[in-house]
Protein backbone atom coordinates (compact mmCIF):
# COMPACT_ATOMS: atom_id res chain seq x y z
CA MET A 1 53.07 -18.69 119.45
CA MET A 2 53.80 -17.92 122.25
CA ILE A 3 54.30 -21.01 123.41
CA PHE A 4 56.79 -22.21 120.65
CA ASN A 5 59.14 -19.10 121.57
CA PRO A 6 60.84 -21.65 124.49
CA ILE A 7 61.34 -24.31 122.38
CA ARG A 8 63.05 -22.49 119.41
CA LYS A 9 65.08 -21.27 121.55
CA CYS A 10 66.42 -24.27 123.05
CA ARG A 11 70.27 -25.34 121.74
CA ASN A 12 70.03 -28.68 123.80
CA GLY A 13 71.21 -31.09 121.73
CA ALA A 14 71.87 -29.25 118.59
CA THR A 15 75.82 -30.63 118.78
CA ALA A 16 74.42 -33.80 118.62
CA VAL A 17 72.41 -33.23 115.50
CA GLU A 18 75.14 -31.61 113.80
CA PHE A 19 77.73 -34.77 114.42
CA ALA A 20 75.05 -37.13 113.43
CA LEU A 21 74.37 -35.12 110.12
CA VAL A 22 78.27 -34.69 109.96
CA ALA A 23 79.65 -38.09 111.05
CA PRO A 24 78.88 -40.87 108.13
CA VAL A 25 80.08 -38.26 105.78
CA PHE A 26 83.75 -38.14 107.35
CA LEU A 27 83.91 -41.17 107.94
CA LEU A 28 82.93 -42.39 104.51
CA MET A 29 85.92 -40.18 103.65
CA ILE A 30 88.07 -41.86 105.79
CA ALA A 31 87.64 -45.16 104.35
CA ILE A 32 87.45 -43.87 100.84
CA ILE A 33 90.85 -42.48 101.49
CA MET A 34 92.54 -45.92 103.46
CA GLU A 35 91.04 -48.01 100.50
CA LEU A 36 93.03 -45.56 98.33
CA GLY A 37 95.83 -45.41 99.70
CA ARG A 38 96.09 -49.33 100.18
CA VAL A 39 95.26 -49.58 95.81
CA LEU A 40 98.68 -47.12 95.60
CA TRP A 41 100.79 -48.99 98.31
CA ILE A 42 99.86 -52.61 96.45
CA LYS A 43 100.38 -50.90 93.14
CA ASN A 44 103.70 -49.78 93.89
CA THR A 45 104.60 -52.96 96.07
CA MET A 46 103.97 -55.09 92.36
CA GLN A 47 105.91 -51.80 90.45
CA TYR A 48 109.09 -52.77 93.27
CA ALA A 49 108.75 -56.61 92.80
CA VAL A 50 108.91 -56.51 88.70
CA GLU A 51 111.44 -54.36 88.56
CA GLU A 52 113.66 -56.69 90.99
CA ALA A 53 112.53 -59.94 88.67
CA GLY A 54 114.04 -57.86 85.96
CA ARG A 55 117.31 -57.01 87.40
CA TYR A 56 117.92 -60.52 88.45
CA ALA A 57 116.63 -61.40 85.39
CA MET A 58 119.19 -59.83 83.10
CA VAL A 59 122.26 -61.46 85.60
CA ASN A 60 120.25 -65.02 85.31
CA PRO A 61 117.92 -65.48 82.78
CA SER A 62 117.66 -69.02 82.47
CA THR A 63 116.23 -69.21 86.24
CA VAL A 64 113.57 -66.83 86.15
CA THR A 65 110.17 -68.54 85.57
CA GLU A 66 106.41 -68.05 86.61
CA THR A 67 107.07 -70.37 89.33
CA TYR A 68 110.03 -68.80 90.40
CA LEU A 69 108.93 -65.63 90.25
CA GLU A 70 105.53 -66.57 92.50
CA ASP A 71 107.56 -68.54 94.73
CA THR A 72 109.98 -65.52 95.95
CA LEU A 73 109.02 -62.45 94.97
CA GLY A 74 105.04 -62.69 95.29
CA PRO A 75 104.80 -63.42 99.60
CA SER A 76 107.72 -61.21 100.17
CA LYS A 77 107.72 -58.47 97.96
CA VAL A 78 103.95 -57.38 97.30
CA ILE A 79 102.78 -56.50 100.63
CA GLY A 80 99.51 -55.86 101.16
CA ALA A 81 98.04 -58.30 98.71
CA PHE A 82 96.33 -61.15 99.65
CA SER A 83 98.92 -64.20 99.56
CA GLY A 84 98.92 -66.33 96.74
CA ALA A 85 96.69 -63.44 94.77
CA VAL A 86 99.56 -61.77 92.87
CA THR A 87 100.16 -64.13 89.52
CA PHE A 88 103.55 -63.45 87.45
CA THR A 89 104.33 -64.00 84.00
CA ALA A 90 107.87 -63.97 82.34
CA THR A 91 107.95 -63.86 78.55
CA LEU A 92 111.54 -64.39 76.89
CA ASP A 93 111.56 -62.18 73.33
CA ASN A 94 114.55 -63.16 70.76
CA ALA A 95 113.47 -61.47 68.09
CA VAL A 96 115.41 -58.37 69.30
CA THR A 97 118.43 -57.77 69.82
CA PRO A 98 119.71 -57.03 72.19
CA ASN A 99 116.92 -60.53 73.88
CA THR A 100 114.62 -59.07 76.36
CA MET A 101 112.32 -60.13 78.72
CA THR A 102 108.71 -58.93 79.88
CA ILE A 103 108.04 -59.78 83.40
CA VAL A 104 104.17 -58.66 84.14
CA ALA A 105 102.50 -59.28 87.84
CA SER A 106 99.07 -59.59 87.93
CA TYR A 107 96.42 -58.57 90.74
CA THR A 108 92.59 -58.31 91.19
CA TYR A 109 92.09 -55.58 94.29
CA THR A 110 88.80 -56.04 96.07
CA PRO A 111 88.44 -53.48 98.72
CA VAL A 112 88.34 -54.49 102.04
CA ILE A 113 86.08 -52.27 103.55
CA GLY A 114 82.93 -54.02 101.77
CA LEU A 115 81.16 -50.30 100.88
CA VAL A 116 80.07 -51.98 97.28
CA PRO A 117 80.20 -55.39 97.31
CA GLY A 118 81.20 -56.94 94.22
CA VAL A 119 84.02 -53.81 93.30
CA SER A 120 87.25 -55.10 92.00
CA VAL A 121 90.35 -53.33 89.87
CA PRO A 122 92.57 -55.00 88.23
CA LEU A 123 96.25 -53.85 88.77
CA SER A 124 99.06 -54.89 86.70
CA SER A 125 102.57 -53.67 86.71
CA LEU A 126 105.13 -54.35 83.57
CA SER A 127 108.58 -54.47 82.86
CA VAL A 128 110.87 -54.64 79.73
CA VAL A 129 114.97 -55.46 80.61
CA PRO A 130 117.42 -56.68 78.22
CA LEU A 131 119.41 -60.20 78.76
CA ASN A 132 123.11 -60.24 79.59
CA ASN A 133 123.99 -63.04 77.10
């Protein structure tokens, strides 16, 4: 038994073993925080783009179409999303007074860091604005 006493008291490499146990968990937490931040960033910029389109639609309701929204708002306003992946829909509702326009932006989020393959989260933003007739 006296042979194993010096081996038990030896602390060489203990820091490396502790780092090997803690580092993967720490790096995974950092990756998850980065992806969550990217989701919130894209969702926020989508909401901003839809609200900006709603403000434009209040003044110029006849020029707001899906192609107009995708051409002018998609690439420039929804930063962080892949180009052309955000779809916009604009629906005019004449049944209520005052007339309203509903603008919806949709995007399917896929993580950049592929920790779990095949994961996608649908994101959407909505804005309903009264029109100036």
